[in-house]
Amino acid sequence: MPLINVKTNISDVHAPDALLKKFSAALASATRKPESYVMTLLESGVPMTFAGSNEPCAYVEIKSIGALTPPEMSDQFCELIKASLGISKDRIYIGFDDVNASHWGWNGRTFG
């Protein structure tokens, strides 16, 4: 049920599959949920600006049924994105969404 969706204006992301696996492992660890439930998405080359500039930037969505710790996770994922994509931490927004179990579907049912 944990999900991370990274959108960036960087068009040439090196080794995107390896990066998605890094995100998956990091999100499983941060939420203490099985990685078998983690989904990762990467959208590169997205037309976007931050502070009126089209210099490298990212918008990240992190969703889960509970287990979110925004202050710690914000720093952790900003560091991971900075190290992986070279995007300055001050050009990354992260939106956290604690989803009600009855509003998260999987395998033809919901979790709650």
N, C-alpha and C. Protein backbone atom coordinates (compact mmCIF):
# COMPACT_ATOMS: atom_id res chain seq x y z
N MET A 1 0.78 -1.21 0.00
CA MET A 1 0.00 0.00 0.00
C MET A 1 0.83 1.28 0.00
N PRO A 2 2.08 1.29 0.46
CA PRO A 2 2.86 2.52 0.31
C PRO A 2 3.15 2.80 -1.17
N LEU A 3 3.08 4.06 -1.52
CA LEU A 3 3.29 4.50 -2.89
C LEU A 3 4.19 5.72 -2.89
N ILE A 4 5.16 5.74 -3.79
CA ILE A 4 5.95 6.95 -4.02
C ILE A 4 5.92 7.24 -5.51
N ASN A 5 5.56 8.47 -5.84
CA ASN A 5 5.49 8.94 -7.22
C ASN A 5 6.39 10.15 -7.32
N VAL A 6 7.45 10.03 -8.11
CA VAL A 6 8.41 11.12 -8.28
C VAL A 6 8.26 11.69 -9.68
N LYS A 7 7.98 12.98 -9.73
CA LYS A 7 7.88 13.69 -11.00
C LYS A 7 9.02 14.70 -11.05
N THR A 8 9.74 14.72 -12.17
CA THR A 8 10.85 15.65 -12.30
C THR A 8 10.94 16.19 -13.72
N ASN A 9 11.52 17.36 -13.85
CA ASN A 9 11.73 17.92 -15.18
C ASN A 9 13.03 17.43 -15.80
N ILE A 10 13.80 16.64 -15.09
CA ILE A 10 15.00 16.03 -15.67
C ILE A 10 14.54 14.98 -16.68
N SER A 11 15.02 15.10 -17.91
CA SER A 11 14.53 14.19 -18.94
C SER A 11 15.38 12.94 -19.09
N ASP A 12 16.65 13.01 -18.79
CA ASP A 12 17.52 11.86 -18.98
C ASP A 12 17.94 11.29 -17.62
N VAL A 13 17.07 10.49 -17.03
CA VAL A 13 17.35 9.88 -15.73
C VAL A 13 18.17 8.62 -15.96
N HIS A 14 19.35 8.58 -15.37
CA HIS A 14 20.24 7.42 -15.51
C HIS A 14 19.71 6.24 -14.70
N ALA A 15 19.64 5.07 -15.32
CA ALA A 15 19.23 3.81 -14.67
C ALA A 15 17.92 3.95 -13.88
N PRO A 16 16.82 4.28 -14.57
CA PRO A 16 15.56 4.48 -13.86
C PRO A 16 15.07 3.25 -13.10
N ASP A 17 15.30 2.05 -13.62
CA ASP A 17 14.86 0.85 -12.91
C ASP A 17 15.58 0.69 -11.58
N ALA A 18 16.87 0.94 -11.57
CA ALA A 18 17.65 0.87 -10.33
C ALA A 18 17.18 1.93 -9.34
N LEU A 19 16.86 3.11 -9.85
CA LEU A 19 16.37 4.19 -8.99
C LEU A 19 15.03 3.82 -8.36
N LEU A 20 14.12 3.24 -9.16
CA LEU A 20 12.83 2.82 -8.62
C LEU A 20 13.01 1.76 -7.53
N LYS A 21 13.96 0.87 -7.70
CA LYS A 21 14.22 -0.13 -6.67
C LYS A 21 14.77 0.50 -5.40
N LYS A 22 15.58 1.56 -5.54
CA LYS A 22 16.07 2.29 -4.36
C LYS A 22 14.90 2.93 -3.62
N PHE A 23 14.01 3.57 -4.39
CA PHE A 23 12.83 4.20 -3.79
C PHE A 23 11.98 3.16 -3.07
N SER A 24 11.80 2.00 -3.69
CA SER A 24 10.98 0.94 -3.12
C SER A 24 11.55 0.47 -1.78
N ALA A 25 12.82 0.17 -1.76
CA ALA A 25 13.46 -0.29 -0.52
C ALA A 25 13.40 0.78 0.56
N ALA A 26 13.64 2.03 0.17
CA ALA A 26 13.63 3.13 1.15
C ALA A 26 12.23 3.33 1.72
N LEU A 27 11.20 3.25 0.88
CA LEU A 27 9.83 3.45 1.37
C LEU A 27 9.38 2.30 2.25
N ALA A 28 9.74 1.07 1.89
CA ALA A 28 9.41 -0.07 2.74
C ALA A 28 10.06 0.08 4.10
N SER A 29 11.30 0.49 4.12
CA SER A 29 12.02 0.68 5.38
C SER A 29 11.41 1.82 6.20
N ALA A 30 11.11 2.93 5.55
CA ALA A 30 10.58 4.10 6.26
C ALA A 30 9.21 3.85 6.85
N THR A 31 8.39 3.05 6.16
CA THR A 31 7.03 2.78 6.65
C THR A 31 6.95 1.49 7.46
N ARG A 32 8.02 0.72 7.44
CA ARG A 32 8.06 -0.59 8.11
C ARG A 32 6.94 -1.51 7.59
N LYS A 33 6.74 -1.42 6.27
CA LYS A 33 5.74 -2.26 5.62
C LYS A 33 6.46 -3.16 4.61
N PRO A 34 5.89 -4.32 4.31
CA PRO A 34 6.56 -5.23 3.37
C PRO A 34 6.76 -4.58 2.00
N GLU A 35 7.95 -4.77 1.46
CA GLU A 35 8.22 -4.21 0.14
C GLU A 35 7.32 -4.82 -0.92
N SER A 36 6.77 -5.98 -0.65
CA SER A 36 5.86 -6.62 -1.61
C SER A 36 4.59 -5.79 -1.85
N TYR A 37 4.31 -4.82 -0.99
CA TYR A 37 3.15 -3.94 -1.17
C TYR A 37 3.52 -2.56 -1.71
N VAL A 38 4.80 -2.26 -1.85
CA VAL A 38 5.24 -0.92 -2.26
C VAL A 38 5.15 -0.77 -3.77
N MET A 39 4.64 0.38 -4.21
CA MET A 39 4.62 0.74 -5.63
C MET A 39 5.44 2.01 -5.82
N THR A 40 6.22 2.03 -6.90
CA THR A 40 7.03 3.20 -7.21
C THR A 40 6.72 3.67 -8.62
N LEU A 41 6.73 4.98 -8.81
CA LEU A 41 6.52 5.57 -10.12
C LEU A 41 7.56 6.66 -10.32
N LEU A 42 8.03 6.79 -11.54
CA LEU A 42 8.96 7.86 -11.89
C LEU A 42 8.50 8.46 -13.20
N GLU A 43 8.21 9.74 -13.17
CA GLU A 43 7.84 10.48 -14.37
C GLU A 43 8.93 11.50 -14.62
N SER A 44 9.73 11.26 -15.66
CA SER A 44 10.81 12.19 -15.98
C SER A 44 10.44 13.02 -17.20
N GLY A 45 11.14 14.13 -17.37
CA GLY A 45 10.87 15.01 -18.50
C GLY A 45 9.54 15.73 -18.40
N VAL A 46 9.03 15.89 -17.19
CA VAL A 46 7.75 16.57 -16.98
C VAL A 46 7.97 18.08 -17.07
N PRO A 47 7.23 18.77 -17.92
CA PRO A 47 7.36 20.22 -17.96
C PRO A 47 6.94 20.79 -16.60
N MET A 48 7.87 21.42 -15.90
CA MET A 48 7.56 21.99 -14.60
C MET A 48 8.56 23.07 -14.25
N THR A 49 8.12 23.95 -13.37
CA THR A 49 9.00 25.00 -12.85
C THR A 49 8.88 25.02 -11.34
N PHE A 50 9.87 25.59 -10.70
CA PHE A 50 9.86 25.82 -9.26
C PHE A 50 10.46 27.20 -9.05
N ALA A 51 9.77 28.06 -8.33
CA ALA A 51 10.21 29.43 -8.07
C ALA A 51 10.47 30.19 -9.38
N GLY A 52 9.65 29.90 -10.39
CA GLY A 52 9.76 30.60 -11.66
C GLY A 52 10.90 30.15 -12.54
N SER A 53 11.57 29.08 -12.16
CA SER A 53 12.73 28.58 -12.90
C SER A 53 12.50 27.14 -13.33
N ASN A 54 13.03 26.80 -14.51
CA ASN A 54 12.93 25.41 -14.95
C ASN A 54 14.23 24.64 -14.69
N GLU A 55 15.05 25.12 -13.76
CA GLU A 55 16.21 24.35 -13.30
C GLU A 55 15.68 23.05 -12.70
N PRO A 56 16.53 22.01 -12.57
CA PRO A 56 16.04 20.72 -12.06
C PRO A 56 15.24 20.86 -10.77
N CYS A 57 14.08 20.20 -10.75
CA CYS A 57 13.20 20.20 -9.59
C CYS A 57 12.39 18.91 -9.59
N ALA A 58 11.69 18.66 -8.48
CA ALA A 58 10.88 17.45 -8.37
C ALA A 58 9.69 17.68 -7.47
N TYR A 59 8.63 16.98 -7.79
CA TYR A 59 7.47 16.89 -6.90
C TYR A 59 7.29 15.41 -6.57
N VAL A 60 7.16 15.10 -5.30
CA VAL A 60 7.07 13.73 -4.83
C VAL A 60 5.77 13.55 -4.06
N GLU A 61 5.06 12.48 -4.36
CA GLU A 61 3.87 12.10 -3.59
C GLU A 61 4.21 10.81 -2.85
N ILE A 62 3.97 10.82 -1.56
CA ILE A 62 4.14 9.61 -0.76
C ILE A 62 2.81 9.34 -0.08
N LYS A 63 2.26 8.16 -0.34
CA LYS A 63 0.96 7.77 0.22
C LYS A 63 1.12 6.44 0.94
N SER A 64 0.35 6.29 2.00
CA SER A 64 0.35 5.03 2.74
C SER A 64 -0.86 5.00 3.65
N ILE A 65 -1.21 3.80 4.08
CA ILE A 65 -2.22 3.64 5.12
C ILE A 65 -1.44 3.69 6.43
N GLY A 66 -1.43 4.84 7.07
CA GLY A 66 -0.66 5.01 8.29
C GLY A 66 0.84 4.92 8.00
N ALA A 67 1.63 4.90 9.06
CA ALA A 67 3.08 4.70 9.01
C ALA A 67 3.86 5.84 8.38
N LEU A 68 3.24 7.00 8.20
CA LEU A 68 3.96 8.14 7.65
C LEU A 68 4.55 8.99 8.77
N THR A 69 5.78 9.37 8.61
CA THR A 69 6.46 10.27 9.54
C THR A 69 7.06 11.41 8.71
N PRO A 70 6.21 12.38 8.32
CA PRO A 70 6.66 13.40 7.37
C PRO A 70 7.98 14.11 7.71
N PRO A 71 8.24 14.56 8.93
CA PRO A 71 9.52 15.25 9.14
C PRO A 71 10.73 14.38 8.79
N GLU A 72 10.75 13.17 9.28
CA GLU A 72 11.89 12.29 9.01
C GLU A 72 11.92 11.85 7.55
N MET A 73 10.76 11.51 7.02
CA MET A 73 10.70 11.03 5.64
C MET A 73 11.01 12.14 4.65
N SER A 74 10.65 13.36 4.96
CA SER A 74 10.97 14.47 4.06
C SER A 74 12.47 14.59 3.89
N ASP A 75 13.20 14.59 4.99
CA ASP A 75 14.65 14.69 4.91
C ASP A 75 15.23 13.47 4.20
N GLN A 76 14.77 12.29 4.56
CA GLN A 76 15.29 11.05 3.98
C GLN A 76 15.12 11.03 2.46
N PHE A 77 13.92 11.35 1.98
CA PHE A 77 13.67 11.26 0.54
C PHE A 77 14.26 12.44 -0.22
N CYS A 78 14.35 13.61 0.40
CA CYS A 78 15.07 14.72 -0.25
C CYS A 78 16.54 14.36 -0.44
N GLU A 79 17.14 13.75 0.57
CA GLU A 79 18.54 13.32 0.46
C GLU A 79 18.70 12.27 -0.64
N LEU A 80 17.79 11.30 -0.68
CA LEU A 80 17.86 10.24 -1.68
C LEU A 80 17.73 10.81 -3.09
N ILE A 81 16.81 11.73 -3.29
CA ILE A 81 16.62 12.35 -4.60
C ILE A 81 17.81 13.22 -4.97
N LYS A 82 18.32 13.96 -4.00
CA LYS A 82 19.51 14.78 -4.26
C LYS A 82 20.68 13.90 -4.68
N ALA A 83 20.92 12.81 -3.95
CA ALA A 83 22.03 11.91 -4.26
C ALA A 83 21.83 11.19 -5.59
N SER A 84 20.60 10.85 -5.92
CA SER A 84 20.31 10.07 -7.12
C SER A 84 20.15 10.91 -8.38
N LEU A 85 19.56 12.08 -8.24
CA LEU A 85 19.23 12.90 -9.41
C LEU A 85 19.96 14.24 -9.44
N GLY A 86 20.63 14.60 -8.35
CA GLY A 86 21.35 15.86 -8.31
C GLY A 86 20.46 17.07 -8.14
N ILE A 87 19.24 16.87 -7.68
CA ILE A 87 18.31 17.98 -7.48
C ILE A 87 18.51 18.54 -6.07
N SER A 88 18.69 19.82 -5.99
CA SER A 88 18.88 20.49 -4.69
C SER A 88 17.64 20.27 -3.82
N LYS A 89 17.87 20.03 -2.54
CA LYS A 89 16.76 19.77 -1.61
C LYS A 89 15.76 20.93 -1.56
N ASP A 90 16.22 22.14 -1.83
CA ASP A 90 15.31 23.29 -1.79
C ASP A 90 14.51 23.45 -3.08
N ARG A 91 14.62 22.46 -3.98
CA ARG A 91 13.83 22.45 -5.21
C ARG A 91 12.99 21.18 -5.30
N ILE A 92 12.66 20.63 -4.12
CA ILE A 92 11.85 19.42 -4.04
C ILE A 92 10.68 19.68 -3.11
N TYR A 93 9.48 19.43 -3.58
CA TYR A 93 8.30 19.42 -2.72
C TYR A 93 7.88 17.97 -2.54
N ILE A 94 7.43 17.63 -1.32
CA ILE A 94 6.91 16.30 -1.05
C ILE A 94 5.52 16.45 -0.43
N GLY A 95 4.55 15.78 -1.01
CA GLY A 95 3.20 15.73 -0.46
C GLY A 95 2.97 14.38 0.20
N PHE A 96 2.53 14.39 1.45
CA PHE A 96 2.26 13.16 2.19
C PHE A 96 0.75 12.98 2.30
N ASP A 97 0.29 11.77 2.08
CA ASP A 97 -1.13 11.48 2.16
C ASP A 97 -1.34 10.19 2.94
N ASP A 98 -1.92 10.31 4.14
CA ASP A 98 -2.26 9.16 4.96
C ASP A 98 -3.66 8.73 4.54
N VAL A 99 -3.74 7.63 3.81
CA VAL A 99 -4.99 7.20 3.19
C VAL A 99 -5.78 6.29 4.13
N ASN A 100 -7.08 6.51 4.18
CA ASN A 100 -7.96 5.63 4.94
C ASN A 100 -7.96 4.25 4.29
N ALA A 101 -7.85 3.20 5.08
CA ALA A 101 -7.77 1.83 4.55
C ALA A 101 -8.94 1.48 3.64
N SER A 102 -10.11 2.03 3.91
CA SER A 102 -11.27 1.73 3.07
C SER A 102 -11.23 2.48 1.74
N HIS A 103 -10.26 3.39 1.58
CA HIS A 103 -10.12 4.16 0.34
C HIS A 103 -8.93 3.70 -0.50
N TRP A 104 -8.35 2.56 -0.16
CA TRP A 104 -7.18 2.05 -0.90
C TRP A 104 -7.52 0.66 -1.40
N GLY A 105 -7.64 0.53 -2.72
CA GLY A 105 -8.02 -0.74 -3.31
C GLY A 105 -6.83 -1.54 -3.80
N TRP A 106 -6.99 -2.85 -3.76
CA TRP A 106 -5.97 -3.79 -4.26
C TRP A 106 -6.61 -5.16 -4.39
N ASN A 107 -6.33 -5.84 -5.46
CA ASN A 107 -6.75 -7.21 -5.66
C ASN A 107 -8.28 -7.38 -5.55
N GLY A 108 -8.99 -6.40 -6.07
CA GLY A 108 -10.45 -6.49 -6.11
C GLY A 108 -11.16 -6.16 -4.81
N ARG A 109 -10.44 -5.61 -3.86
CA ARG A 109 -11.05 -5.24 -2.56
C ARG A 109 -10.31 -4.03 -2.01
N THR A 110 -10.69 -3.59 -0.83
CA THR A 110 -9.94 -2.52 -0.17
C THR A 110 -9.27 -3.11 1.07
N PHE A 111 -8.36 -2.34 1.65
CA PHE A 111 -7.65 -2.80 2.84
C PHE A 111 -8.47 -2.65 4.11
N GLY A 112 -9.57 -1.91 4.06
CA GLY A 112 -10.35 -1.70 5.27
C GLY A 112 -11.82 -1.88 5.08
